[in-house]
Amino acid sequence: MSDLQIEIIGLTAAVFTTIAFVPQVLKIWKNRDASGVSVTMYVIMFIGICIWFCYGILIDSIAVITANGVSGILQTVSYTHLTLP
């Protein structure tokens, strides 16, 4: 399997795992209510995303960098709505 094929598999996985956050973000944004979401989970997840992002940079993987960059942005948007009054 070529490096390009492996990167395509990584990008495909990245798309699916990243868009998994979108419905939650949209629901929070639309309803302006995040009362049922755990802040602790979001903080732990964000830390993990940051570590994955750094790892992606270290291994020079566009799939890991992109997925975790986008996920980090989505997490930040959600977390902002979790913590604002």
C-alpha atoms as a PDB file:
ATOM      1  CA  MET A   1       0.000   0.000   0.000  1.00  0.00           C
ATOM      2  CA  SER A   2       1.406   3.395  -0.937  1.00  0.00           C
ATOM      3  CA  ASP A   3       1.870   6.337   1.419  1.00  0.00           C
ATOM      4  CA  LEU A   4      -0.873   8.188  -0.460  1.00  0.00           C
ATOM      5  CA  GLN A   5      -3.352   5.330   0.033  1.00  0.00           C
ATOM      6  CA  ILE A   6      -2.507   5.179   3.732  1.00  0.00           C
ATOM      7  CA  GLU A   7      -2.996   8.958   4.051  1.00  0.00           C
ATOM      8  CA  ILE A   8      -6.373   8.680   2.265  1.00  0.00           C
ATOM      9  CA  ILE A   9      -7.475   6.057   4.794  1.00  0.00           C
ATOM     10  CA  GLY A  10      -6.354   8.384   7.589  1.00  0.00           C
ATOM     11  CA  LEU A  11      -8.205  11.328   6.053  1.00  0.00           C
ATOM     12  CA  THR A  12     -11.367   9.262   5.661  1.00  0.00           C
ATOM     13  CA  ALA A  13     -11.223   8.215   9.325  1.00  0.00           C
ATOM     14  CA  ALA A  14     -10.510  11.824  10.267  1.00  0.00           C
ATOM     15  CA  VAL A  15     -13.578  13.075   8.405  1.00  0.00           C
ATOM     16  CA  PHE A  16     -15.878  10.629  10.178  1.00  0.00           C
ATOM     17  CA  THR A  17     -14.494  11.192  13.672  1.00  0.00           C
ATOM     18  CA  THR A  18     -14.432  14.958  13.227  1.00  0.00           C
ATOM     19  CA  ILE A  19     -17.974  15.282  11.879  1.00  0.00           C
ATOM     20  CA  ALA A  20     -19.174  13.205  14.814  1.00  0.00           C
ATOM     21  CA  PHE A  21     -18.914  16.427  16.893  1.00  0.00           C
ATOM     22  CA  VAL A  22     -20.936  18.524  14.451  1.00  0.00           C
ATOM     23  CA  PRO A  23     -24.462  17.413  15.533  1.00  0.00           C
ATOM     24  CA  GLN A  24     -23.654  18.204  19.185  1.00  0.00           C
ATOM     25  CA  VAL A  25     -22.164  21.580  18.308  1.00  0.00           C
ATOM     26  CA  LEU A  26     -25.167  22.471  16.135  1.00  0.00           C
ATOM     27  CA  LYS A  27     -27.627  21.375  18.822  1.00  0.00           C
ATOM     28  CA  ILE A  28     -25.868  23.462  21.469  1.00  0.00           C
ATOM     29  CA  TRP A  29     -25.618  26.427  19.104  1.00  0.00           C
ATOM     30  CA  LYS A  30     -29.264  26.200  17.960  1.00  0.00           C
ATOM     31  CA  ASN A  31     -30.801  25.684  21.392  1.00  0.00           C
ATOM     32  CA  ARG A  32     -28.326  27.917  23.228  1.00  0.00           C
ATOM     33  CA  ASP A  33     -28.398  25.220  25.873  1.00  0.00           C
ATOM     34  CA  ALA A  34     -25.643  22.845  26.833  1.00  0.00           C
ATOM     35  CA  SER A  35     -26.924  21.869  30.256  1.00  0.00           C
ATOM     36  CA  GLY A  36     -26.926  18.152  29.469  1.00  0.00           C
ATOM     37  CA  VAL A  37     -23.301  18.043  28.369  1.00  0.00           C
ATOM     38  CA  SER A  38     -20.412  17.278  30.719  1.00  0.00           C
ATOM     39  CA  VAL A  39     -17.842  20.073  30.916  1.00  0.00           C
ATOM     40  CA  THR A  40     -15.309  17.604  32.328  1.00  0.00           C
ATOM     41  CA  MET A  41     -15.682  15.392  29.252  1.00  0.00           C
ATOM     42  CA  TYR A  42     -15.090  18.357  26.965  1.00  0.00           C
ATOM     43  CA  VAL A  43     -11.970  19.457  28.864  1.00  0.00           C
ATOM     44  CA  ILE A  44     -10.488  15.949  28.829  1.00  0.00           C
ATOM     45  CA  MET A  45     -11.365  15.529  25.149  1.00  0.00           C
ATOM     46  CA  PHE A  46      -9.815  18.912  24.292  1.00  0.00           C
ATOM     47  CA  ILE A  47      -6.562  17.958  26.033  1.00  0.00           C
ATOM     48  CA  GLY A  48      -6.498  14.726  24.035  1.00  0.00           C
ATOM     49  CA  ILE A  49      -7.186  16.610  20.802  1.00  0.00           C
ATOM     50  CA  CYS A  50      -4.310  18.996  21.522  1.00  0.00           C
ATOM     51  CA  ILE A  51      -1.951  16.071  22.134  1.00  0.00           C
ATOM     52  CA  TRP A  52      -3.101  14.347  18.918  1.00  0.00           C
ATOM     53  CA  PHE A  53      -2.603  17.624  17.036  1.00  0.00           C
ATOM     54  CA  CYS A  54       0.985  17.889  18.323  1.00  0.00           C
ATOM     55  CA  TYR A  55       1.576  14.242  17.432  1.00  0.00           C
ATOM     56  CA  GLY A  56       0.288  14.900  13.908  1.00  0.00           C
ATOM     57  CA  ILE A  57       2.802  17.703  13.536  1.00  0.00           C
ATOM     58  CA  LEU A  58       5.623  15.476  14.815  1.00  0.00           C
ATOM     59  CA  ILE A  59       4.817  12.684  12.346  1.00  0.00           C
ATOM     60  CA  ASP A  60       3.897  15.155   9.575  1.00  0.00           C
ATOM     61  CA  SER A  61       0.445  13.640   9.018  1.00  0.00           C
ATOM     62  CA  ILE A  62      -2.033  15.952   7.320  1.00  0.00           C
ATOM     63  CA  ALA A  63      -4.883  13.631   8.360  1.00  0.00           C
ATOM     64  CA  VAL A  64      -4.057  13.806  12.064  1.00  0.00           C
ATOM     65  CA  ILE A  65      -3.314  17.533  11.962  1.00  0.00           C
ATOM     66  CA  THR A  66      -6.494  18.425  10.052  1.00  0.00           C
ATOM     67  CA  ALA A  67      -8.848  16.189  12.017  1.00  0.00           C
ATOM     68  CA  ASN A  68      -7.625  17.405  15.365  1.00  0.00           C
ATOM     69  CA  GLY A  69      -7.391  21.038  14.295  1.00  0.00           C
ATOM     70  CA  VAL A  70     -11.028  21.017  13.195  1.00  0.00           C
ATOM     71  CA  SER A  71     -12.085  18.972  16.233  1.00  0.00           C
ATOM     72  CA  GLY A  72     -10.305  21.438  18.499  1.00  0.00           C
ATOM     73  CA  ILE A  73     -12.220  24.324  16.942  1.00  0.00           C
ATOM     74  CA  LEU A  74     -15.532  22.471  17.326  1.00  0.00           C
ATOM     75  CA  GLN A  75     -14.689  21.614  20.931  1.00  0.00           C
ATOM     76  CA  THR A  76     -13.820  25.246  21.643  1.00  0.00           C
ATOM     77  CA  VAL A  77     -17.138  26.449  20.201  1.00  0.00           C
ATOM     78  CA  SER A  78     -19.061  23.863  22.238  1.00  0.00           C
ATOM     79  CA  TYR A  79     -17.105  24.539  25.418  1.00  0.00           C
ATOM     80  CA  THR A  80     -17.694  28.269  25.052  1.00  0.00           C
ATOM     81  CA  HIS A  81     -21.438  27.614  25.048  1.00  0.00           C
ATOM     82  CA  LEU A  82     -21.096  25.241  28.001  1.00  0.00           C
ATOM     83  CA  THR A  83     -19.422  27.849  30.168  1.00  0.00           C
ATOM     84  CA  LEU A  84     -21.220  31.033  29.148  1.00  0.00           C
ATOM     85  CA  PRO A  85     -24.292  32.044  31.132  1.00  0.00           C
END
